[in-house]
Amino acid sequence: MQEYGKLTPGMTAERELPVEERLTVSHTGTPVLSTPMMISLMEKVAMTLAQEHLSTGFTTVGYEVSVKHKAPARIGALIRVWCRLVEVDGRKLLFDVRVTEGEKTVGEGMHRRTIIRVTG
């Protein structure tokens, strides 16, 4: 793993942001955080955590997402997007991912990424 960087299980990252209209769907009557945007935010937090600890010339790409969207988050809600690196298996990384609004779980699940060499 030294070739790729120093990623160890237990590392965490989070980001807080308000739900903006661009992150929502409105066919529900009241605009709420869309599932694709929630997943995108989860992936981005995991990618950023990994990238901060990778050697130059490497990055990660997502290859599996398994999440449940459990509750709505409306425009203006402050959400917390969190991840924890659960497992490092060579180039493969497994993350626990979660989105919350206060004490409410908006979504949660697992996300897998793999380390690749960046080609120029």
PDB file of N, CA and C in Angstrom:
ATOM      1  N   MET A   1       0.823  -1.201   0.000  1.00  0.00           N
ATOM      2  CA  MET A   1       0.000   0.000   0.000  1.00  0.00           C
ATOM      3  C   MET A   1       0.857   1.252   0.000  1.00  0.00           C
ATOM      4  N   GLN A   2       2.079   1.163   0.425  1.00  0.00           N
ATOM      5  CA  GLN A   2       2.954   2.326   0.472  1.00  0.00           C
ATOM      6  C   GLN A   2       3.083   2.999  -0.891  1.00  0.00           C
ATOM      7  N   GLU A   3       3.051   2.190  -1.966  1.00  0.00           N
ATOM      8  CA  GLU A   3       3.153   2.765  -3.303  1.00  0.00           C
ATOM      9  C   GLU A   3       2.028   3.774  -3.562  1.00  0.00           C
ATOM     10  N   TYR A   4       0.819   3.487  -3.064  1.00  0.00           N
ATOM     11  CA  TYR A   4      -0.348   4.332  -3.316  1.00  0.00           C
ATOM     12  C   TYR A   4      -0.463   5.507  -2.351  1.00  0.00           C
ATOM     13  N   GLY A   5       0.003   5.318  -1.138  1.00  0.00           N
ATOM     14  CA  GLY A   5      -0.152   6.352  -0.122  1.00  0.00           C
ATOM     15  C   GLY A   5      -0.377   5.719   1.236  1.00  0.00           C
ATOM     16  N   LYS A   6      -0.890   6.513   2.157  1.00  0.00           N
ATOM     17  CA  LYS A   6      -1.091   6.026   3.528  1.00  0.00           C
ATOM     18  C   LYS A   6      -2.560   6.114   3.922  1.00  0.00           C
ATOM     19  N   LEU A   7      -3.333   5.171   3.467  1.00  0.00           N
ATOM     20  CA  LEU A   7      -4.749   5.080   3.808  1.00  0.00           C
ATOM     21  C   LEU A   7      -4.920   3.972   4.839  1.00  0.00           C
ATOM     22  N   THR A   8      -5.551   4.295   5.960  1.00  0.00           N
ATOM     23  CA  THR A   8      -5.754   3.297   7.005  1.00  0.00           C
ATOM     24  C   THR A   8      -7.209   3.285   7.459  1.00  0.00           C
ATOM     25  N   PRO A   9      -7.741   2.103   7.725  1.00  0.00           N
ATOM     26  CA  PRO A   9      -9.106   2.008   8.217  1.00  0.00           C
ATOM     27  C   PRO A   9      -9.288   2.869   9.472  1.00  0.00           C
ATOM     28  N   GLY A  10     -10.468   3.458   9.563  1.00  0.00           N
ATOM     29  CA  GLY A  10     -10.791   4.324  10.695  1.00  0.00           C
ATOM     30  C   GLY A  10     -10.732   5.804  10.353  1.00  0.00           C
ATOM     31  N   MET A  11     -10.061   6.157   9.258  1.00  0.00           N
ATOM     32  CA  MET A  11     -10.018   7.567   8.837  1.00  0.00           C
ATOM     33  C   MET A  11     -11.432   8.030   8.526  1.00  0.00           C
ATOM     34  N   THR A  12     -11.748   9.274   8.888  1.00  0.00           N
ATOM     35  CA  THR A  12     -13.072   9.822   8.612  1.00  0.00           C
ATOM     36  C   THR A  12     -12.960  11.198   7.962  1.00  0.00           C
ATOM     37  N   ALA A  13     -14.033  11.587   7.328  1.00  0.00           N
ATOM     38  CA  ALA A  13     -14.142  12.927   6.751  1.00  0.00           C
ATOM     39  C   ALA A  13     -15.609  13.319   6.774  1.00  0.00           C
ATOM     40  N   GLU A  14     -15.856  14.616   6.797  1.00  0.00           N
ATOM     41  CA  GLU A  14     -17.231  15.090   6.730  1.00  0.00           C
ATOM     42  C   GLU A  14     -17.278  16.469   6.101  1.00  0.00           C
ATOM     43  N   ARG A  15     -18.458  16.800   5.643  1.00  0.00           N
ATOM     44  CA  ARG A  15     -18.719  18.108   5.049  1.00  0.00           C
ATOM     45  C   ARG A  15     -20.135  18.505   5.430  1.00  0.00           C
ATOM     46  N   GLU A  16     -20.304  19.749   5.835  1.00  0.00           N
ATOM     47  CA  GLU A  16     -21.645  20.269   6.116  1.00  0.00           C
ATOM     48  C   GLU A  16     -22.004  21.266   5.030  1.00  0.00           C
ATOM     49  N   LEU A  17     -23.254  21.205   4.594  1.00  0.00           N
ATOM     50  CA  LEU A  17     -23.715  22.140   3.588  1.00  0.00           C
ATOM     51  C   LEU A  17     -25.226  22.242   3.636  1.00  0.00           C
ATOM     52  N   PRO A  18     -25.763  23.370   3.187  1.00  0.00           N
ATOM     53  CA  PRO A  18     -27.215  23.502   3.121  1.00  0.00           C
ATOM     54  C   PRO A  18     -27.747  22.835   1.856  1.00  0.00           C
ATOM     55  N   VAL A  19     -28.956  22.331   1.937  1.00  0.00           N
ATOM     56  CA  VAL A  19     -29.611  21.779   0.754  1.00  0.00           C
ATOM     57  C   VAL A  19     -30.066  22.963  -0.091  1.00  0.00           C
ATOM     58  N   GLU A  20     -29.528  23.046  -1.284  1.00  0.00           N
ATOM     59  CA  GLU A  20     -29.891  24.107  -2.228  1.00  0.00           C
ATOM     60  C   GLU A  20     -30.790  23.521  -3.309  1.00  0.00           C
ATOM     61  N   GLU A  21     -31.479  24.394  -4.009  1.00  0.00           N
ATOM     62  CA  GLU A  21     -32.424  23.946  -5.036  1.00  0.00           C
ATOM     63  C   GLU A  21     -31.777  23.028  -6.062  1.00  0.00           C
ATOM     64  N   ARG A  22     -30.520  23.290  -6.424  1.00  0.00           N
ATOM     65  CA  ARG A  22     -29.826  22.481  -7.434  1.00  0.00           C
ATOM     66  C   ARG A  22     -29.637  21.019  -6.989  1.00  0.00           C
ATOM     67  N   LEU A  23     -29.797  20.749  -5.701  1.00  0.00           N
ATOM     68  CA  LEU A  23     -29.625  19.399  -5.160  1.00  0.00           C
ATOM     69  C   LEU A  23     -30.944  18.648  -4.997  1.00  0.00           C
ATOM     70  N   THR A  24     -32.044  19.270  -5.419  1.00  0.00           N
ATOM     71  CA  THR A  24     -33.363  18.717  -5.112  1.00  0.00           C
ATOM     72  C   THR A  24     -34.129  18.228  -6.340  1.00  0.00           C
ATOM     73  N   VAL A  25     -35.178  17.497  -6.045  1.00  0.00           N
ATOM     74  CA  VAL A  25     -36.220  17.169  -7.020  1.00  0.00           C
ATOM     75  C   VAL A  25     -37.494  17.825  -6.510  1.00  0.00           C
ATOM     76  N   SER A  26     -38.364  18.208  -7.429  1.00  0.00           N
ATOM     77  CA  SER A  26     -39.564  18.925  -6.998  1.00  0.00           C
ATOM     78  C   SER A  26     -40.861  18.210  -7.362  1.00  0.00           C
ATOM     79  N   HIS A  27     -40.779  17.076  -8.020  1.00  0.00           N
ATOM     80  CA  HIS A  27     -42.007  16.368  -8.403  1.00  0.00           C
ATOM     81  C   HIS A  27     -42.754  15.819  -7.191  1.00  0.00           C
ATOM     82  N   THR A  28     -42.158  15.937  -6.012  1.00  0.00           N
ATOM     83  CA  THR A  28     -42.779  15.460  -4.776  1.00  0.00           C
ATOM     84  C   THR A  28     -43.730  16.484  -4.173  1.00  0.00           C
ATOM     85  N   GLY A  29     -43.801  17.657  -4.779  1.00  0.00           N
ATOM     86  CA  GLY A  29     -44.642  18.735  -4.246  1.00  0.00           C
ATOM     87  C   GLY A  29     -43.810  19.731  -3.466  1.00  0.00           C
ATOM     88  N   THR A  30     -42.993  19.231  -2.557  1.00  0.00           N
ATOM     89  CA  THR A  30     -42.040  20.064  -1.817  1.00  0.00           C
ATOM     90  C   THR A  30     -40.648  19.626  -2.238  1.00  0.00           C
ATOM     91  N   PRO A  31     -39.797  20.543  -2.717  1.00  0.00           N
ATOM     92  CA  PRO A  31     -38.452  20.141  -3.137  1.00  0.00           C
ATOM     93  C   PRO A  31     -37.667  19.500  -1.989  1.00  0.00           C
ATOM     94  N   VAL A  32     -37.075  18.330  -2.282  1.00  0.00           N
ATOM     95  CA  VAL A  32     -36.265  17.599  -1.309  1.00  0.00           C
ATOM     96  C   VAL A  32     -34.972  17.128  -1.976  1.00  0.00           C
ATOM     97  N   LEU A  33     -33.966  16.861  -1.144  1.00  0.00           N
ATOM     98  CA  LEU A  33     -32.689  16.340  -1.631  1.00  0.00           C
ATOM     99  C   LEU A  33     -32.941  15.095  -2.476  1.00  0.00           C
ATOM    100  N   SER A  34     -32.404  15.094  -3.686  1.00  0.00           N
ATOM    101  CA  SER A  34     -32.606  13.944  -4.570  1.00  0.00           C
ATOM    102  C   SER A  34     -31.633  12.823  -4.210  1.00  0.00           C
ATOM    103  N   THR A  35     -32.047  11.613  -4.494  1.00  0.00           N
ATOM    104  CA  THR A  35     -31.183  10.463  -4.220  1.00  0.00           C
ATOM    105  C   THR A  35     -29.883  10.520  -5.023  1.00  0.00           C
ATOM    106  N   PRO A  36     -29.918  10.822  -6.326  1.00  0.00           N
ATOM    107  CA  PRO A  36     -28.648  10.907  -7.058  1.00  0.00           C
ATOM    108  C   PRO A  36     -27.691  11.972  -6.494  1.00  0.00           C
ATOM    109  N   MET A  37     -28.228  13.109  -6.066  1.00  0.00           N
ATOM    110  CA  MET A  37     -27.364  14.149  -5.499  1.00  0.00           C
ATOM    111  C   MET A  37     -26.816  13.718  -4.138  1.00  0.00           C
ATOM    112  N   MET A  38     -27.622  13.027  -3.342  1.00  0.00           N
ATOM    113  CA  MET A  38     -27.151  12.515  -2.056  1.00  0.00           C
ATOM    114  C   MET A  38     -25.987  11.552  -2.284  1.00  0.00           C
ATOM    115  N   ILE A  39     -26.139  10.648  -3.239  1.00  0.00           N
ATOM    116  CA  ILE A  39     -25.078   9.689  -3.544  1.00  0.00           C
ATOM    117  C   ILE A  39     -23.834  10.412  -4.042  1.00  0.00           C
ATOM    118  N   SER A  40     -24.017  11.414  -4.885  1.00  0.00           N
ATOM    119  CA  SER A  40     -22.890  12.189  -5.383  1.00  0.00           C
ATOM    120  C   SER A  40     -22.112  12.849  -4.241  1.00  0.00           C
ATOM    121  N   LEU A  41     -22.828  13.399  -3.277  1.00  0.00           N
ATOM    122  CA  LEU A  41     -22.174  14.021  -2.125  1.00  0.00           C
ATOM    123  C   LEU A  41     -21.414  12.982  -1.303  1.00  0.00           C
ATOM    124  N   MET A  42     -21.995  11.815  -1.111  1.00  0.00           N
ATOM    125  CA  MET A  42     -21.322  10.733  -0.389  1.00  0.00           C
ATOM    126  C   MET A  42     -20.027  10.335  -1.100  1.00  0.00           C
ATOM    127  N   GLU A  43     -20.122  10.151  -2.414  1.00  0.00           N
ATOM    128  CA  GLU A  43     -18.946   9.764  -3.191  1.00  0.00           C
ATOM    129  C   GLU A  43     -17.852  10.837  -3.121  1.00  0.00           C
ATOM    130  N   LYS A  44     -18.256  12.090  -3.199  1.00  0.00           N
ATOM    131  CA  LYS A  44     -17.270  13.172  -3.186  1.00  0.00           C
ATOM    132  C   LYS A  44     -16.515  13.245  -1.859  1.00  0.00           C
ATOM    133  N   VAL A  45     -17.212  13.054  -0.749  1.00  0.00           N
ATOM    134  CA  VAL A  45     -16.540  13.090   0.552  1.00  0.00           C
ATOM    135  C   VAL A  45     -15.555  11.926   0.667  1.00  0.00           C
ATOM    136  N   ALA A  46     -15.954  10.737   0.196  1.00  0.00           N
ATOM    137  CA  ALA A  46     -15.053   9.581   0.225  1.00  0.00           C
ATOM    138  C   ALA A  46     -13.854   9.802  -0.697  1.00  0.00           C
ATOM    139  N   MET A  47     -14.102  10.322  -1.889  1.00  0.00           N
ATOM    140  CA  MET A  47     -13.024  10.585  -2.840  1.00  0.00           C
ATOM    141  C   MET A  47     -12.036  11.597  -2.269  1.00  0.00           C
ATOM    142  N   THR A  48     -12.544  12.659  -1.658  1.00  0.00           N
ATOM    143  CA  THR A  48     -11.683  13.694  -1.090  1.00  0.00           C
ATOM    144  C   THR A  48     -10.830  13.128   0.037  1.00  0.00           C
ATOM    145  N   LEU A  49     -11.420  12.325   0.914  1.00  0.00           N
ATOM    146  CA  LEU A  49     -10.652  11.711   1.993  1.00  0.00           C
ATOM    147  C   LEU A  49      -9.515  10.875   1.421  1.00  0.00           C
ATOM    148  N   ALA A  50      -9.827  10.021   0.465  1.00  0.00           N
ATOM    149  CA  ALA A  50      -8.792   9.173  -0.133  1.00  0.00           C
ATOM    150  C   ALA A  50      -7.713  10.006  -0.803  1.00  0.00           C
ATOM    151  N   GLN A  51      -8.135  11.002  -1.582  1.00  0.00           N
ATOM    152  CA  GLN A  51      -7.180  11.806  -2.350  1.00  0.00           C
ATOM    153  C   GLN A  51      -6.167  12.503  -1.452  1.00  0.00           C
ATOM    154  N   GLU A  52      -6.609  12.947  -0.281  1.00  0.00           N
ATOM    155  CA  GLU A  52      -5.719  13.643   0.649  1.00  0.00           C
ATOM    156  C   GLU A  52      -4.582  12.760   1.155  1.00  0.00           C
ATOM    157  N   HIS A  53      -4.731  11.439   1.030  1.00  0.00           N
ATOM    158  CA  HIS A  53      -3.740  10.520   1.571  1.00  0.00           C
ATOM    159  C   HIS A  53      -3.051   9.673   0.504  1.00  0.00           C
ATOM    160  N   LEU A  54      -3.333   9.950  -0.767  1.00  0.00           N
ATOM    161  CA  LEU A  54      -2.717   9.196  -1.853  1.00  0.00           C
ATOM    162  C   LEU A  54      -1.419   9.852  -2.311  1.00  0.00           C
ATOM    163  N   SER A  55      -0.522   9.029  -2.815  1.00  0.00           N
ATOM    164  CA  SER A  55       0.716   9.531  -3.405  1.00  0.00           C
ATOM    165  C   SER A  55       0.400  10.260  -4.707  1.00  0.00           C
ATOM    166  N   THR A  56       1.291  11.153  -5.099  1.00  0.00           N
ATOM    167  CA  THR A  56       1.163  11.869  -6.370  1.00  0.00           C
ATOM    168  C   THR A  56       1.079  10.856  -7.505  1.00  0.00           C
ATOM    169  N   GLY A  57       0.178  11.121  -8.431  1.00  0.00           N
ATOM    170  CA  GLY A  57       0.023  10.238  -9.583  1.00  0.00           C
ATOM    171  C   GLY A  57      -1.077   9.209  -9.432  1.00  0.00           C
ATOM    172  N   PHE A  58      -1.779   9.239  -8.278  1.00  0.00           N
ATOM    173  CA  PHE A  58      -2.865   8.295  -8.046  1.00  0.00           C
ATOM    174  C   PHE A  58      -4.146   9.042  -7.691  1.00  0.00           C
ATOM    175  N   THR A  59      -5.269   8.426  -8.017  1.00  0.00           N
ATOM    176  CA  THR A  59      -6.578   8.934  -7.629  1.00  0.00           C
ATOM    177  C   THR A  59      -7.481   7.723  -7.390  1.00  0.00           C
ATOM    178  N   THR A  60      -8.750   7.963  -7.122  1.00  0.00           N
ATOM    179  CA  THR A  60      -9.689   6.853  -6.955  1.00  0.00           C
ATOM    180  C   THR A  60     -10.894   7.057  -7.848  1.00  0.00           C
ATOM    181  N   VAL A  61     -11.533   5.955  -8.179  1.00  0.00           N
ATOM    182  CA  VAL A  61     -12.806   5.990  -8.895  1.00  0.00           C
ATOM    183  C   VAL A  61     -13.783   5.085  -8.163  1.00  0.00           C
ATOM    184  N   GLY A  62     -15.027   5.512  -8.108  1.00  0.00           N
ATOM    185  CA  GLY A  62     -16.056   4.708  -7.475  1.00  0.00           C
ATOM    186  C   GLY A  62     -16.483   3.587  -8.386  1.00  0.00           C
ATOM    187  N   TYR A  63     -16.793   2.426  -7.786  1.00  0.00           N
ATOM    188  CA  TYR A  63     -17.286   1.323  -8.613  1.00  0.00           C
ATOM    189  C   TYR A  63     -18.475   0.593  -8.005  1.00  0.00           C
ATOM    190  N   GLU A  64     -18.866   0.961  -6.785  1.00  0.00           N
ATOM    191  CA  GLU A  64     -20.052   0.344  -6.209  1.00  0.00           C
ATOM    192  C   GLU A  64     -20.640   1.267  -5.148  1.00  0.00           C
ATOM    193  N   VAL A  65     -21.974   1.380  -5.161  1.00  0.00           N
ATOM    194  CA  VAL A  65     -22.690   2.170  -4.170  1.00  0.00           C
ATOM    195  C   VAL A  65     -23.897   1.348  -3.727  1.00  0.00           C
ATOM    196  N   SER A  66     -24.077   1.238  -2.422  1.00  0.00           N
ATOM    197  CA  SER A  66     -25.240   0.558  -1.876  1.00  0.00           C
ATOM    198  C   SER A  66     -25.748   1.403  -0.714  1.00  0.00           C
ATOM    199  N   VAL A  67     -26.767   2.225  -0.988  1.00  0.00           N
ATOM    200  CA  VAL A  67     -27.271   3.142   0.040  1.00  0.00           C
ATOM    201  C   VAL A  67     -28.797   3.100   0.092  1.00  0.00           C
ATOM    202  N   LYS A  68     -29.311   3.520   1.216  1.00  0.00           N
ATOM    203  CA  LYS A  68     -30.749   3.693   1.381  1.00  0.00           C
ATOM    204  C   LYS A  68     -31.014   5.162   1.659  1.00  0.00           C
ATOM    205  N   HIS A  69     -31.962   5.730   0.928  1.00  0.00           N
ATOM    206  CA  HIS A  69     -32.409   7.103   1.173  1.00  0.00           C
ATOM    207  C   HIS A  69     -33.584   6.977   2.131  1.00  0.00           C
ATOM    208  N   LYS A  70     -33.380   7.359   3.385  1.00  0.00           N
ATOM    209  CA  LYS A  70     -34.324   7.027   4.450  1.00  0.00           C
ATOM    210  C   LYS A  70     -35.279   8.147   4.856  1.00  0.00           C
ATOM    211  N   ALA A  71     -34.912   9.405   4.579  1.00  0.00           N
ATOM    212  CA  ALA A  71     -35.751  10.520   5.021  1.00  0.00           C
ATOM    213  C   ALA A  71     -35.496  11.734   4.133  1.00  0.00           C
ATOM    214  N   PRO A  72     -36.473  12.639   4.034  1.00  0.00           N
ATOM    215  CA  PRO A  72     -36.288  13.829   3.208  1.00  0.00           C
ATOM    216  C   PRO A  72     -35.430  14.881   3.906  1.00  0.00           C
ATOM    217  N   ALA A  73     -34.786  15.690   3.086  1.00  0.00           N
ATOM    218  CA  ALA A  73     -34.095  16.895   3.568  1.00  0.00           C
ATOM    219  C   ALA A  73     -34.530  18.013   2.628  1.00  0.00           C
ATOM    220  N   ARG A  74     -35.199  19.009   3.185  1.00  0.00           N
ATOM    221  CA  ARG A  74     -35.785  20.076   2.379  1.00  0.00           C
ATOM    222  C   ARG A  74     -34.792  21.205   2.114  1.00  0.00           C
ATOM    223  N   ILE A  75     -35.124  22.060   1.155  1.00  0.00           N
ATOM    224  CA  ILE A  75     -34.290  23.226   0.854  1.00  0.00           C
ATOM    225  C   ILE A  75     -34.035  24.011   2.139  1.00  0.00           C
ATOM    226  N   GLY A  76     -32.776  24.381   2.342  1.00  0.00           N
ATOM    227  CA  GLY A  76     -32.387  25.145   3.523  1.00  0.00           C
ATOM    228  C   GLY A  76     -31.907  24.300   4.679  1.00  0.00           C
ATOM    229  N   ALA A  77     -32.197  22.994   4.652  1.00  0.00           N
ATOM    230  CA  ALA A  77     -31.735  22.108   5.729  1.00  0.00           C
ATOM    231  C   ALA A  77     -30.213  22.028   5.703  1.00  0.00           C
ATOM    232  N   LEU A  78     -29.591  22.025   6.873  1.00  0.00           N
ATOM    233  CA  LEU A  78     -28.145  21.852   6.970  1.00  0.00           C
ATOM    234  C   LEU A  78     -27.882  20.361   7.118  1.00  0.00           C
ATOM    235  N   ILE A  79     -27.206  19.789   6.122  1.00  0.00           N
ATOM    236  CA  ILE A  79     -26.914  18.358   6.163  1.00  0.00           C
ATOM    237  C   ILE A  79     -25.430  18.134   6.406  1.00  0.00           C
ATOM    238  N   ARG A  80     -25.128  16.993   7.009  1.00  0.00           N
ATOM    239  CA  ARG A  80     -23.750  16.577   7.273  1.00  0.00           C
ATOM    240  C   ARG A  80     -23.510  15.316   6.460  1.00  0.00           C
ATOM    241  N   VAL A  81     -22.523  15.363   5.569  1.00  0.00           N
ATOM    242  CA  VAL A  81     -22.152  14.220   4.746  1.00  0.00           C
ATOM    243  C   VAL A  81     -20.875  13.652   5.356  1.00  0.00           C
ATOM    244  N   TRP A  82     -20.904  12.400   5.745  1.00  0.00           N
ATOM    245  CA  TRP A  82     -19.822  11.790   6.523  1.00  0.00           C
ATOM    246  C   TRP A  82     -19.393  10.478   5.892  1.00  0.00           C
ATOM    247  N   CYS A  83     -18.109  10.158   6.009  1.00  0.00           N
ATOM    248  CA  CYS A  83     -17.632   8.845   5.588  1.00  0.00           C
ATOM    249  C   CYS A  83     -16.550   8.354   6.536  1.00  0.00           C
ATOM    250  N   ARG A  84     -16.427   7.037   6.590  1.00  0.00           N
ATOM    251  CA  ARG A  84     -15.348   6.392   7.357  1.00  0.00           C
ATOM    252  C   ARG A  84     -14.776   5.290   6.489  1.00  0.00           C
ATOM    253  N   LEU A  85     -13.447   5.274   6.359  1.00  0.00           N
ATOM    254  CA  LEU A  85     -12.780   4.214   5.622  1.00  0.00           C
ATOM    255  C   LEU A  85     -12.809   2.956   6.485  1.00  0.00           C
ATOM    256  N   VAL A  86     -13.477   1.933   5.997  1.00  0.00           N
ATOM    257  CA  VAL A  86     -13.679   0.703   6.758  1.00  0.00           C
ATOM    258  C   VAL A  86     -12.604  -0.327   6.447  1.00  0.00           C
ATOM    259  N   GLU A  87     -12.214  -0.411   5.175  1.00  0.00           N
ATOM    260  CA  GLU A  87     -11.313  -1.484   4.754  1.00  0.00           C
ATOM    261  C   GLU A  87     -10.423  -1.030   3.614  1.00  0.00           C
ATOM    262  N   VAL A  88      -9.168  -1.449   3.665  1.00  0.00           N
ATOM    263  CA  VAL A  88      -8.218  -1.237   2.575  1.00  0.00           C
ATOM    264  C   VAL A  88      -7.728  -2.616   2.158  1.00  0.00           C
ATOM    265  N   ASP A  89      -8.013  -2.996   0.922  1.00  0.00           N
ATOM    266  CA  ASP A  89      -7.612  -4.298   0.396  1.00  0.00           C
ATOM    267  C   ASP A  89      -6.844  -4.062  -0.898  1.00  0.00           C
ATOM    268  N   GLY A  90      -5.538  -3.840  -0.761  1.00  0.00           N
ATOM    269  CA  GLY A  90      -4.737  -3.485  -1.932  1.00  0.00           C
ATOM    270  C   GLY A  90      -5.190  -2.142  -2.473  1.00  0.00           C
ATOM    271  N   ARG A  91      -5.691  -2.151  -3.700  1.00  0.00           N
ATOM    272  CA  ARG A  91      -6.182  -0.907  -4.316  1.00  0.00           C
ATOM    273  C   ARG A  91      -7.647  -0.638  -3.999  1.00  0.00           C
ATOM    274  N   LYS A  92      -8.339  -1.572  -3.400  1.00  0.00           N
ATOM    275  CA  LYS A  92      -9.777  -1.434  -3.161  1.00  0.00           C
ATOM    276  C   LYS A  92     -10.055  -0.864  -1.779  1.00  0.00           C
ATOM    277  N   LEU A  93     -10.960   0.116  -1.747  1.00  0.00           N
ATOM    278  CA  LEU A  93     -11.317   0.818  -0.514  1.00  0.00           C
ATOM    279  C   LEU A  93     -12.816   0.674  -0.263  1.00  0.00           C
ATOM    280  N   LEU A  94     -13.180   0.431   0.994  1.00  0.00           N
ATOM    281  CA  LEU A  94     -14.580   0.332   1.377  1.00  0.00           C
ATOM    282  C   LEU A  94     -14.879   1.423   2.399  1.00  0.00           C
ATOM    283  N   PHE A  95     -15.923   2.205   2.131  1.00  0.00           N
ATOM    284  CA  PHE A  95     -16.330   3.309   2.993  1.00  0.00           C
ATOM    285  C   PHE A  95     -17.734   3.094   3.538  1.00  0.00           C
ATOM    286  N   ASP A  96     -17.926   3.449   4.790  1.00  0.00           N
ATOM    287  CA  ASP A  96     -19.249   3.604   5.385  1.00  0.00           C
ATOM    288  C   ASP A  96     -19.619   5.057   5.100  1.00  0.00           C
ATOM    289  N   VAL A  97     -20.794   5.313   4.541  1.00  0.00           N
ATOM    290  CA  VAL A  97     -21.206   6.675   4.198  1.00  0.00           C
ATOM    291  C   VAL A  97     -22.551   6.994   4.831  1.00  0.00           C
ATOM    292  N   ARG A  98     -22.733   8.280   5.167  1.00  0.00           N
ATOM    293  CA  ARG A  98     -23.974   8.674   5.846  1.00  0.00           C
ATOM    294  C   ARG A  98     -24.251  10.154   5.581  1.00  0.00           C
ATOM    295  N   VAL A  99     -25.533  10.488   5.464  1.00  0.00           N
ATOM    296  CA  VAL A  99     -25.983  11.882   5.410  1.00  0.00           C
ATOM    297  C   VAL A  99     -27.000  12.044   6.531  1.00  0.00           C
ATOM    298  N   THR A 100     -26.804  13.078   7.343  1.00  0.00           N
ATOM    299  CA  THR A 100     -27.724  13.354   8.442  1.00  0.00           C
ATOM    300  C   THR A 100     -28.160  14.809   8.398  1.00  0.00           C
ATOM    301  N   GLU A 101     -29.306  15.050   9.012  1.00  0.00           N
ATOM    302  CA  GLU A 101     -29.795  16.408   9.266  1.00  0.00           C
ATOM    303  C   GLU A 101     -30.109  16.434  10.758  1.00  0.00           C
ATOM    304  N   GLY A 102     -29.229  17.039  11.531  1.00  0.00           N
ATOM    305  CA  GLY A 102     -29.369  16.963  12.983  1.00  0.00           C
ATOM    306  C   GLY A 102     -29.238  15.516  13.413  1.00  0.00           C
ATOM    307  N   GLU A 103     -30.214  15.028  14.160  1.00  0.00           N
ATOM    308  CA  GLU A 103     -30.207  13.636  14.626  1.00  0.00           C
ATOM    309  C   GLU A 103     -30.841  12.675  13.618  1.00  0.00           C
ATOM    310  N   LYS A 104     -31.448  13.218  12.573  1.00  0.00           N
ATOM    311  CA  LYS A 104     -32.162  12.399  11.583  1.00  0.00           C
ATOM    312  C   LYS A 104     -31.187  11.854  10.539  1.00  0.00           C
ATOM    313  N   THR A 105     -31.278  10.551  10.266  1.00  0.00           N
ATOM    314  CA  THR A 105     -30.492   9.944   9.198  1.00  0.00           C
ATOM    315  C   THR A 105     -31.260  10.094   7.892  1.00  0.00           C
ATOM    316  N   VAL A 106     -30.669  10.830   6.960  1.00  0.00           N
ATOM    317  CA  VAL A 106     -31.270  11.046   5.647  1.00  0.00           C
ATOM    318  C   VAL A 106     -30.947   9.868   4.734  1.00  0.00           C
ATOM    319  N   GLY A 107     -29.708   9.401   4.791  1.00  0.00           N
ATOM    320  CA  GLY A 107     -29.291   8.270   3.974  1.00  0.00           C
ATOM    321  C   GLY A 107     -28.050   7.633   4.558  1.00  0.00           C
ATOM    322  N   GLU A 108     -27.867   6.338   4.265  1.00  0.00           N
ATOM    323  CA  GLU A 108     -26.676   5.648   4.752  1.00  0.00           C
ATOM    324  C   GLU A 108     -26.416   4.415   3.917  1.00  0.00           C
ATOM    325  N   GLY A 109     -25.164   3.961   3.962  1.00  0.00           N
ATOM    326  CA  GLY A 109     -24.809   2.759   3.223  1.00  0.00           C
ATOM    327  C   GLY A 109     -23.314   2.594   3.093  1.00  0.00           C
ATOM    328  N   MET A 110     -22.928   1.897   2.033  1.00  0.00           N
ATOM    329  CA  MET A 110     -21.526   1.594   1.772  1.00  0.00           C
ATOM    330  C   MET A 110     -21.155   2.063   0.365  1.00  0.00           C
ATOM    331  N   HIS A 111     -19.879   2.391   0.215  1.00  0.00           N
ATOM    332  CA  HIS A 111     -19.369   2.853  -1.077  1.00  0.00           C
ATOM    333  C   HIS A 111     -17.984   2.264  -1.282  1.00  0.00           C
ATOM    334  N   ARG A 112     -17.740   1.734  -2.459  1.00  0.00           N
ATOM    335  CA  ARG A 112     -16.426   1.165  -2.783  1.00  0.00           C
ATOM    336  C   ARG A 112     -15.751   1.996  -3.863  1.00  0.00           C
ATOM    337  N   ARG A 113     -14.445   2.180  -3.679  1.00  0.00           N
ATOM    338  CA  ARG A 113     -13.617   2.902  -4.637  1.00  0.00           C
ATOM    339  C   ARG A 113     -12.364   2.082  -4.894  1.00  0.00           C
ATOM    340  N   THR A 114     -11.737   2.304  -6.015  1.00  0.00           N
ATOM    341  CA  THR A 114     -10.461   1.650  -6.291  1.00  0.00           C
ATOM    342  C   THR A 114      -9.430   2.703  -6.677  1.00  0.00           C
ATOM    343  N   ILE A 115      -8.204   2.437  -6.300  1.00  0.00           N
ATOM    344  CA  ILE A 115      -7.096   3.364  -6.592  1.00  0.00           C
ATOM    345  C   ILE A 115      -6.589   3.073  -7.991  1.00  0.00           C
ATOM    346  N   ILE A 116      -6.429   4.137  -8.768  1.00  0.00           N
ATOM    347  CA  ILE A 116      -5.883   4.013 -10.120  1.00  0.00           C
ATOM    348  C   ILE A 116      -4.733   5.005 -10.305  1.00  0.00           C
ATOM    349  N   ARG A 117      -3.869   4.679 -11.243  1.00  0.00           N
ATOM    350  CA  ARG A 117      -2.804   5.604 -11.619  1.00  0.00           C
ATOM    351  C   ARG A 117      -3.400   6.632 -12.581  1.00  0.00           C
ATOM    352  N   VAL A 118      -3.082   7.895 -12.337  1.00  0.00           N
ATOM    353  CA  VAL A 118      -3.572   8.970 -13.205  1.00  0.00           C
ATOM    354  C   VAL A 118      -2.712   8.972 -14.470  1.00  0.00           C
ATOM    355  N   THR A 119      -3.387   8.973 -15.608  1.00  0.00           N
ATOM    356  CA  THR A 119      -2.663   9.047 -16.863  1.00  0.00           C
ATOM    357  C   THR A 119      -2.828  10.427 -17.467  1.00  0.00           C
ATOM    358  N   GLY A 120      -1.797  10.943 -18.016  1.00  0.00           N
ATOM    359  CA  GLY A 120      -1.843  12.306 -18.532  1.00  0.00           C
ATOM    360  C   GLY A 120      -1.926  12.315 -19.983  1.00  0.00           C
TER     361      GLY A 120
END
